[in-house]
Amino acid sequence: GKLHADYLIGRREAKHGHIHPSDFGDLLHRYGMELITDHV
């Protein structure tokens, strides 16, 4: 799963609901997926 770097560090607003962007990598890892941060 690829996520924009600004979404992860909070520079851009994303629809994250109850999931904090900093915990999104752990959420994907729980399901067997790897997080790739792009647009760095």
PDB file of all heavy atoms in Angstrom:
ATOM      1  N   GLY A   1       0.842  -1.191   0.000  1.00  0.00           N
ATOM      2  CA  GLY A   1       0.000   0.000   0.000  1.00  0.00           C
ATOM      3  C   GLY A   1       0.875   1.238   0.000  1.00  0.00           C
ATOM      4  O   GLY A   1       1.851   1.317   0.762  1.00  0.00           O
ATOM      5  N   LYS A   2       0.546   2.209  -0.865  1.00  0.00           N
ATOM      6  CA  LYS A   2       1.345   3.422  -0.997  1.00  0.00           C
ATOM      7  C   LYS A   2       0.551   4.613  -0.470  1.00  0.00           C
ATOM      8  O   LYS A   2      -0.594   4.836  -0.860  1.00  0.00           O
ATOM      9  CB  LYS A   2       1.742   3.655  -2.457  1.00  0.00           C
ATOM     10  CG  LYS A   2       2.784   2.658  -2.968  1.00  0.00           C
ATOM     11  CD  LYS A   2       3.291   3.058  -4.334  1.00  0.00           C
ATOM     12  CE  LYS A   2       4.397   2.124  -4.803  1.00  0.00           C
ATOM     13  NZ  LYS A   2       4.922   2.524  -6.124  1.00  0.00           N
ATOM     14  N   LEU A   3       1.197   5.367   0.398  1.00  0.00           N
ATOM     15  CA  LEU A   3       0.572   6.533   1.034  1.00  0.00           C
ATOM     16  C   LEU A   3       1.473   7.744   0.835  1.00  0.00           C
ATOM     17  O   LEU A   3       2.699   7.654   0.962  1.00  0.00           O
ATOM     18  CB  LEU A   3       0.355   6.274   2.525  1.00  0.00           C
ATOM     19  CG  LEU A   3      -0.321   7.385   3.321  1.00  0.00           C
ATOM     20  CD1 LEU A   3      -1.763   7.558   2.866  1.00  0.00           C
ATOM     21  CD2 LEU A   3      -0.269   7.093   4.807  1.00  0.00           C
ATOM     22  N   HIS A   4       0.852   8.869   0.517  1.00  0.00           N
ATOM     23  CA  HIS A   4       1.593  10.123   0.340  1.00  0.00           C
ATOM     24  C   HIS A   4       2.262  10.498   1.661  1.00  0.00           C
ATOM     25  O   HIS A   4       1.689  10.368   2.739  1.00  0.00           O
ATOM     26  CB  HIS A   4       0.632  11.219  -0.092  1.00  0.00           C
ATOM     27  CG  HIS A   4       1.306  12.397  -0.721  1.00  0.00           C
ATOM     28  ND1 HIS A   4       2.119  13.261  -0.011  1.00  0.00           N
ATOM     29  CD2 HIS A   4       1.306  12.850  -1.999  1.00  0.00           C
ATOM     30  CE1 HIS A   4       2.562  14.200  -0.811  1.00  0.00           C
ATOM     31  NE2 HIS A   4       2.087  13.988  -2.037  1.00  0.00           N
ATOM     32  N   ALA A   5       3.513  10.950   1.557  1.00  0.00           N
ATOM     33  CA  ALA A   5       4.280  11.284   2.767  1.00  0.00           C
ATOM     34  C   ALA A   5       3.605  12.383   3.572  1.00  0.00           C
ATOM     35  O   ALA A   5       3.628  12.359   4.811  1.00  0.00           O
ATOM     36  CB  ALA A   5       5.698  11.702   2.378  1.00  0.00           C
ATOM     37  N   ASP A   6       2.979  13.347   2.903  1.00  0.00           N
ATOM     38  CA  ASP A   6       2.333  14.441   3.637  1.00  0.00           C
ATOM     39  C   ASP A   6       1.125  13.949   4.427  1.00  0.00           C
ATOM     40  O   ASP A   6       0.794  14.522   5.471  1.00  0.00           O
ATOM     41  CB  ASP A   6       1.907  15.535   2.657  1.00  0.00           C
ATOM     42  CG  ASP A   6       3.105  16.299   2.107  1.00  0.00           C
ATOM     43  OD1 ASP A   6       4.183  16.204   2.719  1.00  0.00           O
ATOM     44  OD2 ASP A   6       2.970  16.979   1.075  1.00  0.00           O
ATOM     45  N   TYR A   7       0.429  12.909   3.959  1.00  0.00           N
ATOM     46  CA  TYR A   7      -0.671  12.339   4.737  1.00  0.00           C
ATOM     47  C   TYR A   7      -0.142  11.725   6.035  1.00  0.00           C
ATOM     48  O   TYR A   7      -0.748  11.847   7.095  1.00  0.00           O
ATOM     49  CB  TYR A   7      -1.391  11.259   3.923  1.00  0.00           C
ATOM     50  CG  TYR A   7      -2.276  11.796   2.830  1.00  0.00           C
ATOM     51  CD1 TYR A   7      -2.414  11.120   1.621  1.00  0.00           C
ATOM     52  CD2 TYR A   7      -2.986  12.975   2.986  1.00  0.00           C
ATOM     53  CE1 TYR A   7      -3.220  11.616   0.605  1.00  0.00           C
ATOM     54  CE2 TYR A   7      -3.786  13.478   1.990  1.00  0.00           C
ATOM     55  CZ  TYR A   7      -3.902  12.794   0.796  1.00  0.00           C
ATOM     56  OH  TYR A   7      -4.705  13.276  -0.189  1.00  0.00           O
ATOM     57  N   LEU A   8       0.998  11.058   5.941  1.00  0.00           N
ATOM     58  CA  LEU A   8       1.520  10.344   7.098  1.00  0.00           C
ATOM     59  C   LEU A   8       2.030  11.292   8.171  1.00  0.00           C
ATOM     60  O   LEU A   8       1.806  11.070   9.366  1.00  0.00           O
ATOM     61  CB  LEU A   8       2.628   9.386   6.659  1.00  0.00           C
ATOM     62  CG  LEU A   8       3.173   8.437   7.729  1.00  0.00           C
ATOM     63  CD1 LEU A   8       2.074   7.534   8.239  1.00  0.00           C
ATOM     64  CD2 LEU A   8       4.325   7.612   7.177  1.00  0.00           C
ATOM     65  N   ILE A   9       2.711  12.365   7.756  1.00  0.00           N
ATOM     66  CA  ILE A   9       3.300  13.274   8.739  1.00  0.00           C
ATOM     67  C   ILE A   9       2.356  14.409   9.090  1.00  0.00           C
ATOM     68  O   ILE A   9       2.729  15.305   9.864  1.00  0.00           O
ATOM     69  CB  ILE A   9       4.639  13.838   8.226  1.00  0.00           C
ATOM     70  CG1 ILE A   9       4.428  14.661   6.940  1.00  0.00           C
ATOM     71  CG2 ILE A   9       5.626  12.728   8.001  1.00  0.00           C
ATOM     72  CD1 ILE A   9       5.721  15.203   6.346  1.00  0.00           C
ATOM     73  N   GLY A  10       1.140  14.415   8.535  1.00  0.00           N
ATOM     74  CA  GLY A  10       0.125  15.373   8.944  1.00  0.00           C
ATOM     75  C   GLY A  10       0.136  16.687   8.216  1.00  0.00           C
ATOM     76  O   GLY A  10      -0.548  17.630   8.640  1.00  0.00           O
ATOM     77  N   ARG A  11       0.858  16.812   7.106  1.00  0.00           N
ATOM     78  CA  ARG A  11       0.858  18.068   6.366  1.00  0.00           C
ATOM     79  C   ARG A  11      -0.362  18.202   5.461  1.00  0.00           C
ATOM     80  O   ARG A  11      -0.678  19.295   5.004  1.00  0.00           O
ATOM     81  CB  ARG A  11       2.134  18.183   5.524  1.00  0.00           C
ATOM     82  CG  ARG A  11       3.410  18.243   6.355  1.00  0.00           C
ATOM     83  CD  ARG A  11       4.627  18.439   5.475  1.00  0.00           C
ATOM     84  NE  ARG A  11       5.862  18.471   6.269  1.00  0.00           N
ATOM     85  CZ  ARG A  11       7.067  18.620   5.750  1.00  0.00           C
ATOM     86  NH1 ARG A  11       7.215  18.757   4.440  1.00  0.00           N
ATOM     87  NH2 ARG A  11       8.141  18.630   6.529  1.00  0.00           N
ATOM     88  N   ARG A  12      -1.015  17.079   5.168  1.00  0.00           N
ATOM     89  CA  ARG A  12      -2.242  17.096   4.371  1.00  0.00           C
ATOM     90  C   ARG A  12      -3.289  16.270   5.100  1.00  0.00           C
ATOM     91  O   ARG A  12      -2.973  15.275   5.754  1.00  0.00           O
ATOM     92  CB  ARG A  12      -1.993  16.523   2.965  1.00  0.00           C
ATOM     93  CG  ARG A  12      -1.038  17.356   2.131  1.00  0.00           C
ATOM     94  CD  ARG A  12      -0.715  16.702   0.813  1.00  0.00           C
ATOM     95  NE  ARG A  12      -1.888  16.537  -0.025  1.00  0.00           N
ATOM     96  CZ  ARG A  12      -1.856  16.028  -1.258  1.00  0.00           C
ATOM     97  NH1 ARG A  12      -0.702  15.615  -1.762  1.00  0.00           N
ATOM     98  NH2 ARG A  12      -2.962  15.909  -1.966  1.00  0.00           N
ATOM     99  N   GLU A  13      -4.542  16.684   4.969  1.00  0.00           N
ATOM    100  CA  GLU A  13      -5.635  16.027   5.673  1.00  0.00           C
ATOM    101  C   GLU A  13      -6.100  14.830   4.866  1.00  0.00           C
ATOM    102  O   GLU A  13      -6.265  14.891   3.645  1.00  0.00           O
ATOM    103  CB  GLU A  13      -6.787  17.003   5.879  1.00  0.00           C
ATOM    104  CG  GLU A  13      -7.856  16.484   6.818  1.00  0.00           C
ATOM    105  CD  GLU A  13      -7.372  16.390   8.261  1.00  0.00           C
ATOM    106  OE1 GLU A  13      -6.414  17.115   8.607  1.00  0.00           O
ATOM    107  OE2 GLU A  13      -7.931  15.585   9.033  1.00  0.00           O
ATOM    108  N   ALA A  14      -6.321  13.704   5.545  1.00  0.00           N
ATOM    109  CA  ALA A  14      -6.778  12.469   4.913  1.00  0.00           C
ATOM    110  C   ALA A  14      -7.964  11.930   5.683  1.00  0.00           C
ATOM    111  O   ALA A  14      -8.187  12.259   6.846  1.00  0.00           O
ATOM    112  CB  ALA A  14      -5.653  11.428   4.863  1.00  0.00           C
ATOM    113  N   LYS A  15      -8.751  11.078   5.017  1.00  0.00           N
ATOM    114  CA  LYS A  15      -9.884  10.421   5.657  1.00  0.00           C
ATOM    115  C   LYS A  15      -9.360   9.210   6.418  1.00  0.00           C
ATOM    116  O   LYS A  15      -9.225   8.127   5.865  1.00  0.00           O
ATOM    117  CB  LYS A  15     -10.913   9.982   4.606  1.00  0.00           C
ATOM    118  CG  LYS A  15     -11.494  11.124   3.792  1.00  0.00           C
ATOM    119  CD  LYS A  15     -12.469  10.591   2.747  1.00  0.00           C
ATOM    120  CE  LYS A  15     -13.026  11.729   1.888  1.00  0.00           C
ATOM    121  NZ  LYS A  15     -13.951  11.203   0.845  1.00  0.00           N
ATOM    122  N   HIS A  16      -9.026   9.428   7.684  1.00  0.00           N
ATOM    123  CA  HIS A  16      -8.446   8.336   8.452  1.00  0.00           C
ATOM    124  C   HIS A  16      -9.379   7.799   9.523  1.00  0.00           C
ATOM    125  O   HIS A  16      -9.098   6.754  10.119  1.00  0.00           O
ATOM    126  CB  HIS A  16      -7.131   8.788   9.105  1.00  0.00           C
ATOM    127  CG  HIS A  16      -7.243  10.033   9.919  1.00  0.00           C
ATOM    128  ND1 HIS A  16      -7.765  10.029  11.184  1.00  0.00           N
ATOM    129  CD2 HIS A  16      -6.922  11.312   9.632  1.00  0.00           C
ATOM    130  CE1 HIS A  16      -7.745  11.265  11.652  1.00  0.00           C
ATOM    131  NE2 HIS A  16      -7.244  12.073  10.742  1.00  0.00           N
ATOM    132  N   GLY A  17     -10.502   8.483   9.793  1.00  0.00           N
ATOM    133  CA  GLY A  17     -11.446   7.964  10.775  1.00  0.00           C
ATOM    134  C   GLY A  17     -10.800   7.823  12.142  1.00  0.00           C
ATOM    135  O   GLY A  17     -10.168   8.736  12.673  1.00  0.00           O
ATOM    136  N   HIS A  18     -10.946   6.620  12.719  1.00  0.00           N
ATOM    137  CA  HIS A  18     -10.367   6.366  14.034  1.00  0.00           C
ATOM    138  C   HIS A  18      -8.910   5.952  13.946  1.00  0.00           C
ATOM    139  O   HIS A  18      -8.265   5.731  14.973  1.00  0.00           O
ATOM    140  CB  HIS A  18     -11.157   5.257  14.734  1.00  0.00           C
ATOM    141  CG  HIS A  18     -11.077   3.938  14.022  1.00  0.00           C
ATOM    142  ND1 HIS A  18     -11.846   3.641  12.924  1.00  0.00           N
ATOM    143  CD2 HIS A  18     -10.286   2.856  14.227  1.00  0.00           C
ATOM    144  CE1 HIS A  18     -11.543   2.426  12.495  1.00  0.00           C
ATOM    145  NE2 HIS A  18     -10.607   1.935  13.263  1.00  0.00           N
ATOM    146  N   ILE A  19      -8.358   5.813  12.743  1.00  0.00           N
ATOM    147  CA  ILE A  19      -6.978   5.353  12.555  1.00  0.00           C
ATOM    148  C   ILE A  19      -6.082   6.576  12.428  1.00  0.00           C
ATOM    149  O   ILE A  19      -6.258   7.397  11.527  1.00  0.00           O
ATOM    150  CB  ILE A  19      -6.854   4.469  11.308  1.00  0.00           C
ATOM    151  CG1 ILE A  19      -7.813   3.284  11.395  1.00  0.00           C
ATOM    152  CG2 ILE A  19      -5.429   3.983  11.129  1.00  0.00           C
ATOM    153  CD1 ILE A  19      -7.894   2.480  10.122  1.00  0.00           C
ATOM    154  N   HIS A  20      -5.129   6.716  13.331  1.00  0.00           N
ATOM    155  CA  HIS A  20      -4.168   7.806  13.212  1.00  0.00           C
ATOM    156  C   HIS A  20      -3.193   7.470  12.080  1.00  0.00           C
ATOM    157  O   HIS A  20      -2.772   6.318  11.932  1.00  0.00           O
ATOM    158  CB  HIS A  20      -3.412   7.999  14.528  1.00  0.00           C
ATOM    159  CG  HIS A  20      -2.654   9.273  14.579  1.00  0.00           C
ATOM    160  ND1 HIS A  20      -1.389   9.413  14.074  1.00  0.00           N
ATOM    161  CD2 HIS A  20      -2.999  10.497  15.067  1.00  0.00           C
ATOM    162  CE1 HIS A  20      -0.968  10.646  14.258  1.00  0.00           C
ATOM    163  NE2 HIS A  20      -1.937  11.337  14.854  1.00  0.00           N
ATOM    164  N   PRO A  21      -2.827   8.457  11.253  1.00  0.00           N
ATOM    165  CA  PRO A  21      -1.924   8.149  10.138  1.00  0.00           C
ATOM    166  C   PRO A  21      -0.628   7.485  10.570  1.00  0.00           C
ATOM    167  O   PRO A  21      -0.076   6.660   9.835  1.00  0.00           O
ATOM    168  CB  PRO A  21      -1.681   9.536   9.516  1.00  0.00           C
ATOM    169  CG  PRO A  21      -2.894  10.326   9.855  1.00  0.00           C
ATOM    170  CD  PRO A  21      -3.328   9.838  11.218  1.00  0.00           C
ATOM    171  N   SER A  22      -0.115   7.808  11.750  1.00  0.00           N
ATOM    172  CA  SER A  22       1.131   7.189  12.199  1.00  0.00           C
ATOM    173  C   SER A  22       0.962   5.698  12.488  1.00  0.00           C
ATOM    174  O   SER A  22       1.947   4.961  12.507  1.00  0.00           O
ATOM    175  CB  SER A  22       1.656   7.900  13.447  1.00  0.00           C
ATOM    176  OG  SER A  22       0.707   7.821  14.507  1.00  0.00           O
ATOM    177  N   ASP A  23      -0.283   5.250  12.731  1.00  0.00           N
ATOM    178  CA  ASP A  23      -0.546   3.830  12.987  1.00  0.00           C
ATOM    179  C   ASP A  23      -0.978   3.081  11.734  1.00  0.00           C
ATOM    180  O   ASP A  23      -1.288   1.890  11.816  1.00  0.00           O
ATOM    181  CB  ASP A  23      -1.645   3.683  14.051  1.00  0.00           C
ATOM    182  CG  ASP A  23      -1.246   4.314  15.367  1.00  0.00           C
ATOM    183  OD1 ASP A  23      -0.033   4.312  15.657  1.00  0.00           O
ATOM    184  OD2 ASP A  23      -2.124   4.816  16.095  1.00  0.00           O
ATOM    185  N   PHE A  24      -0.996   3.766  10.591  1.00  0.00           N
ATOM    186  CA  PHE A  24      -1.484   3.122   9.370  1.00  0.00           C
ATOM    187  C   PHE A  24      -0.544   1.999   8.927  1.00  0.00           C
ATOM    188  O   PHE A  24      -0.987   0.967   8.424  1.00  0.00           O
ATOM    189  CB  PHE A  24      -1.633   4.168   8.266  1.00  0.00           C
ATOM    190  CG  PHE A  24      -2.249   3.637   7.009  1.00  0.00           C
ATOM    191  CD1 PHE A  24      -3.534   3.124   7.004  1.00  0.00           C
ATOM    192  CD2 PHE A  24      -1.531   3.625   5.818  1.00  0.00           C
ATOM    193  CE1 PHE A  24      -4.099   2.624   5.848  1.00  0.00           C
ATOM    194  CE2 PHE A  24      -2.086   3.139   4.665  1.00  0.00           C
ATOM    195  CZ  PHE A  24      -3.375   2.641   4.674  1.00  0.00           C
ATOM    196  N   GLY A  25       0.767   2.183   9.103  1.00  0.00           N
ATOM    197  CA  GLY A  25       1.713   1.129   8.745  1.00  0.00           C
ATOM    198  C   GLY A  25       1.515  -0.125   9.580  1.00  0.00           C
ATOM    199  O   GLY A  25       1.575  -1.244   9.063  1.00  0.00           O
ATOM    200  N   ASP A  26       1.260   0.050  10.886  1.00  0.00           N
ATOM    201  CA  ASP A  26       0.990  -1.106  11.739  1.00  0.00           C
ATOM    202  C   ASP A  26      -0.308  -1.796  11.343  1.00  0.00           C
ATOM    203  O   ASP A  26      -0.411  -3.025  11.404  1.00  0.00           O
ATOM    204  CB  ASP A  26       0.915  -0.670  13.201  1.00  0.00           C
ATOM    205  CG  ASP A  26       2.244  -0.142  13.714  1.00  0.00           C
ATOM    206  OD1 ASP A  26       3.279  -0.546  13.149  1.00  0.00           O
ATOM    207  OD2 ASP A  26       2.252   0.667  14.651  1.00  0.00           O
ATOM    208  N   LEU A  27      -1.304  -1.021  10.905  1.00  0.00           N
ATOM    209  CA  LEU A  27      -2.567  -1.618  10.450  1.00  0.00           C
ATOM    210  C   LEU A  27      -2.342  -2.489   9.222  1.00  0.00           C
ATOM    211  O   LEU A  27      -2.829  -3.626   9.154  1.00  0.00           O
ATOM    212  CB  LEU A  27      -3.575  -0.511  10.145  1.00  0.00           C
ATOM    213  CG  LEU A  27      -4.916  -0.974   9.572  1.00  0.00           C
ATOM    214  CD1 LEU A  27      -5.703  -1.753  10.611  1.00  0.00           C
ATOM    215  CD2 LEU A  27      -5.723   0.211   9.066  1.00  0.00           C
ATOM    216  N   LEU A  28      -1.594  -1.989   8.244  1.00  0.00           N
ATOM    217  CA  LEU A  28      -1.313  -2.792   7.056  1.00  0.00           C
ATOM    218  C   LEU A  28      -0.477  -4.013   7.406  1.00  0.00           C
ATOM    219  O   LEU A  28      -0.698  -5.111   6.872  1.00  0.00           O
ATOM    220  CB  LEU A  28      -0.588  -1.936   6.008  1.00  0.00           C
ATOM    221  CG  LEU A  28      -1.383  -0.775   5.393  1.00  0.00           C
ATOM    222  CD1 LEU A  28      -0.550  -0.093   4.319  1.00  0.00           C
ATOM    223  CD2 LEU A  28      -2.693  -1.255   4.817  1.00  0.00           C
ATOM    224  N   HIS A  29       0.493  -3.838   8.310  1.00  0.00           N
ATOM    225  CA  HIS A  29       1.342  -4.966   8.699  1.00  0.00           C
ATOM    226  C   HIS A  29       0.520  -6.051   9.397  1.00  0.00           C
ATOM    227  O   HIS A  29       0.816  -7.244   9.254  1.00  0.00           O
ATOM    228  CB  HIS A  29       2.456  -4.464   9.617  1.00  0.00           C
ATOM    229  CG  HIS A  29       3.428  -5.531  10.018  1.00  0.00           C
ATOM    230  ND1 HIS A  29       4.324  -6.111   9.136  1.00  0.00           N
ATOM    231  CD2 HIS A  29       3.635  -6.155  11.213  1.00  0.00           C
ATOM    232  CE1 HIS A  29       5.041  -7.023   9.768  1.00  0.00           C
ATOM    233  NE2 HIS A  29       4.641  -7.069  11.026  1.00  0.00           N
ATOM    234  N   ARG A  30      -0.504  -5.644  10.123  1.00  0.00           N
ATOM    235  CA  ARG A  30      -1.369  -6.624  10.779  1.00  0.00           C
ATOM    236  C   ARG A  30      -2.088  -7.503   9.757  1.00  0.00           C
ATOM    237  O   ARG A  30      -2.379  -8.669  10.015  1.00  0.00           O
ATOM    238  CB  ARG A  30      -2.378  -5.883  11.649  1.00  0.00           C
ATOM    239  CG  ARG A  30      -3.207  -6.780  12.566  1.00  0.00           C
ATOM    240  CD  ARG A  30      -4.277  -5.954  13.265  1.00  0.00           C
ATOM    241  NE  ARG A  30      -3.715  -4.757  13.874  1.00  0.00           N
ATOM    242  CZ  ARG A  30      -4.458  -3.752  14.302  1.00  0.00           C
ATOM    243  NH1 ARG A  30      -5.770  -3.774  14.157  1.00  0.00           N
ATOM    244  NH2 ARG A  30      -3.873  -2.688  14.849  1.00  0.00           N
ATOM    245  N   TYR A  31      -2.375  -6.941   8.581  1.00  0.00           N
ATOM    246  CA  TYR A  31      -3.045  -7.697   7.534  1.00  0.00           C
ATOM    247  C   TYR A  31      -2.080  -8.338   6.543  1.00  0.00           C
ATOM    248  O   TYR A  31      -2.507  -8.883   5.523  1.00  0.00           O
ATOM    249  CB  TYR A  31      -4.005  -6.782   6.762  1.00  0.00           C
ATOM    250  CG  TYR A  31      -5.085  -6.188   7.619  1.00  0.00           C
ATOM    251  CD1 TYR A  31      -5.527  -4.878   7.414  1.00  0.00           C
ATOM    252  CD2 TYR A  31      -5.667  -6.913   8.653  1.00  0.00           C
ATOM    253  CE1 TYR A  31      -6.523  -4.328   8.201  1.00  0.00           C
ATOM    254  CE2 TYR A  31      -6.651  -6.361   9.456  1.00  0.00           C
ATOM    255  CZ  TYR A  31      -7.073  -5.068   9.224  1.00  0.00           C
ATOM    256  OH  TYR A  31      -8.039  -4.528  10.004  1.00  0.00           O
ATOM    257  N   GLY A  32      -0.778  -8.257   6.818  1.00  0.00           N
ATOM    258  CA  GLY A  32       0.205  -8.871   5.924  1.00  0.00           C
ATOM    259  C   GLY A  32       0.606  -7.995   4.760  1.00  0.00           C
ATOM    260  O   GLY A  32       1.132  -8.499   3.761  1.00  0.00           O
ATOM    261  N   MET A  33       0.396  -6.672   4.859  1.00  0.00           N
ATOM    262  CA  MET A  33       0.764  -5.749   3.793  1.00  0.00           C
ATOM    263  C   MET A  33       1.915  -4.860   4.252  1.00  0.00           C
ATOM    264  O   MET A  33       2.139  -4.677   5.441  1.00  0.00           O
ATOM    265  CB  MET A  33      -0.446  -4.892   3.376  1.00  0.00           C
ATOM    266  CG  MET A  33      -1.639  -5.687   2.874  1.00  0.00           C
ATOM    267  SD  MET A  33      -3.082  -4.642   2.516  1.00  0.00           S
ATOM    268  CE  MET A  33      -2.458  -3.601   1.199  1.00  0.00           C
ATOM    269  N   GLU A  34       2.648  -4.316   3.274  1.00  0.00           N
ATOM    270  CA  GLU A  34       3.765  -3.419   3.556  1.00  0.00           C
ATOM    271  C   GLU A  34       3.396  -2.001   3.127  1.00  0.00           C
ATOM    272  O   GLU A  34       2.794  -1.792   2.074  1.00  0.00           O
ATOM    273  CB  GLU A  34       5.035  -3.867   2.822  1.00  0.00           C
ATOM    274  CG  GLU A  34       5.632  -5.162   3.338  1.00  0.00           C
ATOM    275  CD  GLU A  34       6.982  -5.443   2.695  1.00  0.00           C
ATOM    276  OE1 GLU A  34       7.843  -4.543   2.730  1.00  0.00           O
ATOM    277  OE2 GLU A  34       7.159  -6.539   2.145  1.00  0.00           O
ATOM    278  N   LEU A  35       3.780  -1.027   3.940  1.00  0.00           N
ATOM    279  CA  LEU A  35       3.521   0.377   3.636  1.00  0.00           C
ATOM    280  C   LEU A  35       4.732   0.969   2.923  1.00  0.00           C
ATOM    281  O   LEU A  35       5.869   0.820   3.374  1.00  0.00           O
ATOM    282  CB  LEU A  35       3.240   1.157   4.922  1.00  0.00           C
ATOM    283  CG  LEU A  35       3.099   2.670   4.762  1.00  0.00           C
ATOM    284  CD1 LEU A  35       1.903   3.009   3.880  1.00  0.00           C
ATOM    285  CD2 LEU A  35       2.990   3.354   6.107  1.00  0.00           C
ATOM    286  N   ILE A  36       4.460   1.645   1.798  1.00  0.00           N
ATOM    287  CA  ILE A  36       5.480   2.370   1.049  1.00  0.00           C
ATOM    288  C   ILE A  36       5.062   3.835   1.025  1.00  0.00           C
ATOM    289  O   ILE A  36       3.971   4.162   0.565  1.00  0.00           O
ATOM    290  CB  ILE A  36       5.643   1.827  -0.376  1.00  0.00           C
ATOM    291  CG1 ILE A  36       6.048   0.342  -0.347  1.00  0.00           C
ATOM    292  CG2 ILE A  36       6.673   2.635  -1.153  1.00  0.00           C
ATOM    293  CD1 ILE A  36       6.110  -0.295  -1.715  1.00  0.00           C
ATOM    294  N   THR A  37       5.902   4.708   1.543  1.00  0.00           N
ATOM    295  CA  THR A  37       5.614   6.136   1.559  1.00  0.00           C
ATOM    296  C   THR A  37       6.216   6.780   0.314  1.00  0.00           C
ATOM    297  O   THR A  37       7.428   6.709   0.108  1.00  0.00           O
ATOM    298  CB  THR A  37       6.195   6.794   2.816  1.00  0.00           C
ATOM    299  OG1 THR A  37       5.723   6.095   3.975  1.00  0.00           O
ATOM    300  CG2 THR A  37       5.776   8.234   2.906  1.00  0.00           C
ATOM    301  N   ASP A  38       5.362   7.371  -0.528  1.00  0.00           N
ATOM    302  CA  ASP A  38       5.861   7.973  -1.758  1.00  0.00           C
ATOM    303  C   ASP A  38       5.778   9.494  -1.683  1.00  0.00           C
ATOM    304  O   ASP A  38       5.362  10.062  -0.671  1.00  0.00           O
ATOM    305  CB  ASP A  38       5.087   7.441  -2.970  1.00  0.00           C
ATOM    306  CG  ASP A  38       3.591   7.664  -2.845  1.00  0.00           C
ATOM    307  OD1 ASP A  38       3.177   8.282  -1.847  1.00  0.00           O
ATOM    308  OD2 ASP A  38       2.841   7.220  -3.735  1.00  0.00           O
ATOM    309  N   HIS A  39       6.221  10.143  -2.763  1.00  0.00           N
ATOM    310  CA  HIS A  39       6.286  11.601  -2.860  1.00  0.00           C
ATOM    311  C   HIS A  39       7.153  12.197  -1.751  1.00  0.00           C
ATOM    312  O   HIS A  39       6.827  13.225  -1.156  1.00  0.00           O
ATOM    313  CB  HIS A  39       4.884  12.229  -2.813  1.00  0.00           C
ATOM    314  CG  HIS A  39       4.033  11.890  -3.991  1.00  0.00           C
ATOM    315  ND1 HIS A  39       3.284  10.721  -4.057  1.00  0.00           N
ATOM    316  CD2 HIS A  39       3.805  12.549  -5.156  1.00  0.00           C
ATOM    317  CE1 HIS A  39       2.629  10.682  -5.189  1.00  0.00           C
ATOM    318  NE2 HIS A  39       2.924  11.763  -5.894  1.00  0.00           N
ATOM    319  N   VAL A  40       8.280  11.553  -1.480  1.00  0.00           N
ATOM    320  CA  VAL A  40       9.262  12.087  -0.525  1.00  0.00           C
ATOM    321  C   VAL A  40      10.204  12.999  -1.303  1.00  0.00           C
ATOM    322  O   VAL A  40      10.918  12.539  -2.197  1.00  0.00           O
ATOM    323  CB  VAL A  40      10.040  10.952   0.166  1.00  0.00           C
ATOM    324  CG1 VAL A  40      11.034  11.533   1.152  1.00  0.00           C
ATOM    325  CG2 VAL A  40       9.084  10.013   0.867  1.00  0.00           C
TER     326      VAL A  40
END
